[in-house]
Amino acid sequence: MPLEIRGTRLRYRVRRPVKGAKYRTHDVGRKGHSERIAMYLPRKRRWVTQSWTFPVKDVIKERKKTMDILRKLGTTRKARKLVGVV
């Protein structure tokens, strides 16, 4: 489950992208901060979480809170290094 930084956002992938899937973004928590990217699986006829995104500014400001969230999502040691907490 890779973690990547694109522009001003930290992205935590839960699932690999699927060709032909539809995607939606859901604002979670405070407006404009954490987002859930959902992916529609046509064969199963349901929406699943594809990834989560967080603003890098929030991650730097509130490291402990972000790490708690990432731990609940099942993050790895690599994610802790990217955020700056080992």
Foldseek 3Di string as FASTA:
>chain_A
DDWDDDDQKIKFFPADDDPPWDWDWDDPDDPPAKIWIWTADVVVRDIDTGMIMGGLVCLQVCVVVVVVVCVVVPDDPVVCVVSPHD
